[in-house]
C-alpha atoms as a PDB file:
ATOM      1  CA  MET A   1       5.896  15.501  12.166  1.00  0.00           C
ATOM      2  CA  GLY A   2       4.737  18.454  10.069  1.00  0.00           C
ATOM      3  CA  THR A   3       2.630  21.567  10.922  1.00  0.00           C
ATOM      4  CA  SER A   4      -0.941  21.672   9.951  1.00  0.00           C
ATOM      5  CA  ARG A   5      -2.074  24.249   7.451  1.00  0.00           C
ATOM      6  CA  ASN A   6      -5.561  25.874   7.943  1.00  0.00           C
ATOM      7  CA  SER A   7      -5.374  27.913   4.761  1.00  0.00           C
ATOM      8  CA  ARG A   8      -5.394  26.345   1.355  1.00  0.00           C
ATOM      9  CA  SER A   9      -3.664  27.678  -1.875  1.00  0.00           C
ATOM     10  CA  THR A  10      -5.689  28.789  -4.724  1.00  0.00           C
ATOM     11  CA  GLY A  11      -4.753  25.685  -6.795  1.00  0.00           C
ATOM     12  CA  GLU A  12      -5.978  23.363  -3.829  1.00  0.00           C
ATOM     13  CA  MET A  13      -9.283  25.258  -3.818  1.00  0.00           C
ATOM     14  CA  ILE A  14      -9.849  25.144  -7.399  1.00  0.00           C
ATOM     15  CA  SER A  15      -9.034  21.320  -7.511  1.00  0.00           C
ATOM     16  CA  THR A  16     -11.351  20.804  -4.599  1.00  0.00           C
ATOM     17  CA  PHE A  17     -14.226  22.610  -6.536  1.00  0.00           C
ATOM     18  CA  ALA A  18     -13.339  20.540  -9.662  1.00  0.00           C
ATOM     19  CA  PHE A  19     -13.623  17.233  -7.663  1.00  0.00           C
ATOM     20  CA  ALA A  20     -16.926  18.410  -6.138  1.00  0.00           C
ATOM     21  CA  GLY A  21     -18.361  19.509  -9.515  1.00  0.00           C
ATOM     22  CA  MET A  22     -17.299  16.255 -11.256  1.00  0.00           C
ATOM     23  CA  ALA A  23     -18.891  14.369  -8.410  1.00  0.00           C
ATOM     24  CA  ALA A  24     -22.104  16.143  -9.007  1.00  0.00           C
ATOM     25  CA  LYS A  25     -22.078  15.547 -12.645  1.00  0.00           C
ATOM     26  CA  LEU A  26     -21.024  11.967 -12.445  1.00  0.00           C
ATOM     27  CA  THR A  27     -23.781  11.346  -9.811  1.00  0.00           C
ATOM     28  CA  TYR A  28     -26.334  12.990 -12.084  1.00  0.00           C
ATOM     29  CA  ASN A  29     -25.200  10.864 -15.093  1.00  0.00           C
ATOM     30  CA  ALA A  30     -25.316   7.491 -12.988  1.00  0.00           C
ATOM     31  CA  LEU A  31     -28.742   8.372 -11.868  1.00  0.00           C
ATOM     32  CA  GLU A  32     -29.998   8.976 -15.427  1.00  0.00           C
ATOM     33  CA  TRP A  33     -28.019   6.073 -16.967  1.00  0.00           C
ATOM     34  CA  ASP A  34     -29.999   3.661 -19.088  1.00  0.00           C
ATOM     35  CA  GLY A  35     -27.166   1.731 -20.441  1.00  0.00           C
ATOM     36  CA  GLY A  36     -25.216  -1.363 -19.310  1.00  0.00           C
ATOM     37  CA  LEU A  37     -24.367  -2.239 -15.871  1.00  0.00           C
ATOM     38  CA  LEU A  38     -20.435  -1.948 -16.246  1.00  0.00           C
ATOM     39  CA  ALA A  39     -20.828   1.724 -17.386  1.00  0.00           C
ATOM     40  CA  HIS A  40     -23.360   2.303 -14.644  1.00  0.00           C
ATOM     41  CA  THR A  41     -21.025   0.859 -11.956  1.00  0.00           C
ATOM     42  CA  ALA A  42     -18.069   2.827 -13.469  1.00  0.00           C
ATOM     43  CA  LEU A  43     -20.086   5.968 -13.254  1.00  0.00           C
ATOM     44  CA  TRP A  44     -20.915   5.442  -9.572  1.00  0.00           C
ATOM     45  CA  LEU A  45     -17.434   4.583  -8.522  1.00  0.00           C
ATOM     46  CA  SER A  46     -15.937   7.580 -10.405  1.00  0.00           C
ATOM     47  CA  ALA A  47     -18.574   9.772  -8.548  1.00  0.00           C
ATOM     48  CA  ILE A  48     -17.509   8.310  -5.202  1.00  0.00           C
ATOM     49  CA  ALA A  49     -13.764   8.801  -5.984  1.00  0.00           C
ATOM     50  CA  CYS A  50     -14.427  12.532  -6.936  1.00  0.00           C
ATOM     51  CA  PHE A  51     -16.565  13.000  -3.816  1.00  0.00           C
ATOM     52  CA  LEU A  52     -13.722  11.575  -1.606  1.00  0.00           C
ATOM     53  CA  GLY A  53     -11.190  13.759  -3.577  1.00  0.00           C
ATOM     54  CA  ALA A  54     -13.309  16.837  -2.817  1.00  0.00           C
ATOM     55  CA  LEU A  55     -13.262  15.719   0.894  1.00  0.00           C
ATOM     56  CA  ARG A  56      -9.588  15.005   1.077  1.00  0.00           C
ATOM     57  CA  PHE A  57      -8.662  17.988   3.381  1.00  0.00           C
ATOM     58  CA  PRO A  58     -11.347  17.327   5.990  1.00  0.00           C
ATOM     59  CA  LEU A  59     -10.552  13.570   5.895  1.00  0.00           C
ATOM     60  CA  GLN A  60      -6.932  14.314   6.578  1.00  0.00           C
ATOM     61  CA  ALA A  61      -7.883  16.569   9.446  1.00  0.00           C
ATOM     62  CA  ILE A  62      -9.936  13.875  11.007  1.00  0.00           C
ATOM     63  CA  LYS A  63      -6.965  11.341  10.490  1.00  0.00           C
ATOM     64  CA  ASP A  64      -4.555  13.815  12.052  1.00  0.00           C
ATOM     65  CA  ARG A  65      -6.818  14.270  15.188  1.00  0.00           C
ATOM     66  CA  ARG A  66      -7.371  10.721  15.676  1.00  0.00           C
ATOM     67  CA  ARG A  67      -3.649   9.990  15.451  1.00  0.00           C
ATOM     68  CA  ARG A  68      -2.822  12.440  18.349  1.00  0.00           C
END
């Protein structure tokens, strides 16, 4: 369908680092959390979502390779 891009724009790289940084921060907060279960679960789910956001380009590349 489309052509694959190996180079990423500056904005894409910045957002990847932002996702990775937030994943690290949320993971740290979840590990140190002493509050309620609901907030603890929300921290972990947010950390996982940010981690997957940081990996969106490698995950897309794997999906594209498996599709061929």
